[in-house]
C-alpha atoms as a PDB file:
ATOM      1  CA  MET A   1     -86.711   4.535 -71.358  1.00  0.00           C
ATOM      2  CA  GLY A   2     -83.101   3.456 -70.781  1.00  0.00           C
ATOM      3  CA  ASP A   3     -81.990   6.978 -69.937  1.00  0.00           C
ATOM      4  CA  GLU A   4     -84.656   7.272 -67.247  1.00  0.00           C
ATOM      5  CA  LYS A   5     -83.471   4.043 -65.602  1.00  0.00           C
ATOM      6  CA  ASP A   6     -79.858   5.289 -65.631  1.00  0.00           C
ATOM      7  CA  SER A   7     -80.825   8.574 -63.969  1.00  0.00           C
ATOM      8  CA  LYS A   8     -82.812   6.711 -61.296  1.00  0.00           C
ATOM      9  CA  VAL A   9     -79.828   4.469 -60.522  1.00  0.00           C
ATOM     10  CA  LYS A  10     -77.532   7.502 -60.328  1.00  0.00           C
ATOM     11  CA  THR A  11     -79.819   9.302 -57.906  1.00  0.00           C
ATOM     12  CA  LEU A  12     -80.044   6.162 -55.727  1.00  0.00           C
ATOM     13  CA  ASP A  13     -76.230   5.918 -55.666  1.00  0.00           C
ATOM     14  CA  GLU A  14     -76.021   9.594 -54.723  1.00  0.00           C
ATOM     15  CA  ILE A  15     -78.503   9.087 -51.869  1.00  0.00           C
ATOM     16  CA  LEU A  16     -76.528   6.096 -50.558  1.00  0.00           C
ATOM     17  CA  GLN A  17     -73.273   8.087 -50.745  1.00  0.00           C
ATOM     18  CA  GLU A  18     -74.881  10.995 -48.866  1.00  0.00           C
ATOM     19  CA  LYS A  19     -76.102   8.622 -46.137  1.00  0.00           C
ATOM     20  CA  LYS A  20     -72.576   7.189 -45.806  1.00  0.00           C
ATOM     21  CA  ARG A  21     -71.082  10.684 -45.542  1.00  0.00           C
ATOM     22  CA  ARG A  22     -73.645  11.750 -42.925  1.00  0.00           C
ATOM     23  CA  LYS A  23     -72.955   8.624 -40.861  1.00  0.00           C
ATOM     24  CA  GLU A  24     -69.203   9.280 -41.001  1.00  0.00           C
ATOM     25  CA  GLN A  25     -69.702  12.933 -40.025  1.00  0.00           C
ATOM     26  CA  GLU A  26     -71.980  11.953 -37.131  1.00  0.00           C
ATOM     27  CA  GLU A  27     -69.444   9.387 -35.890  1.00  0.00           C
ATOM     28  CA  LYS A  28     -66.648  11.988 -36.066  1.00  0.00           C
ATOM     29  CA  ALA A  29     -68.814  14.485 -34.157  1.00  0.00           C
ATOM     30  CA  GLU A  30     -69.560  11.877 -31.464  1.00  0.00           C
ATOM     31  CA  ILE A  31     -65.846  11.111 -31.079  1.00  0.00           C
ATOM     32  CA  ARG A  32     -65.118  14.839 -30.696  1.00  0.00           C
ATOM     33  CA  LEU A  33     -67.832  15.221 -28.042  1.00  0.00           C
ATOM     34  CA  LYS A  34     -66.511  12.207 -26.088  1.00  0.00           C
ATOM     35  CA  ASN A  35     -62.979  13.668 -26.106  1.00  0.00           C
END
């Protein structure tokens, strides 16, 4: 039971990190297009 909860939390953290990375990449791409 505990292990399952840990894995769920890890996957949620990974999803949040991926979203952050995508946002940063999109912002960088927008800056490049503007320049």
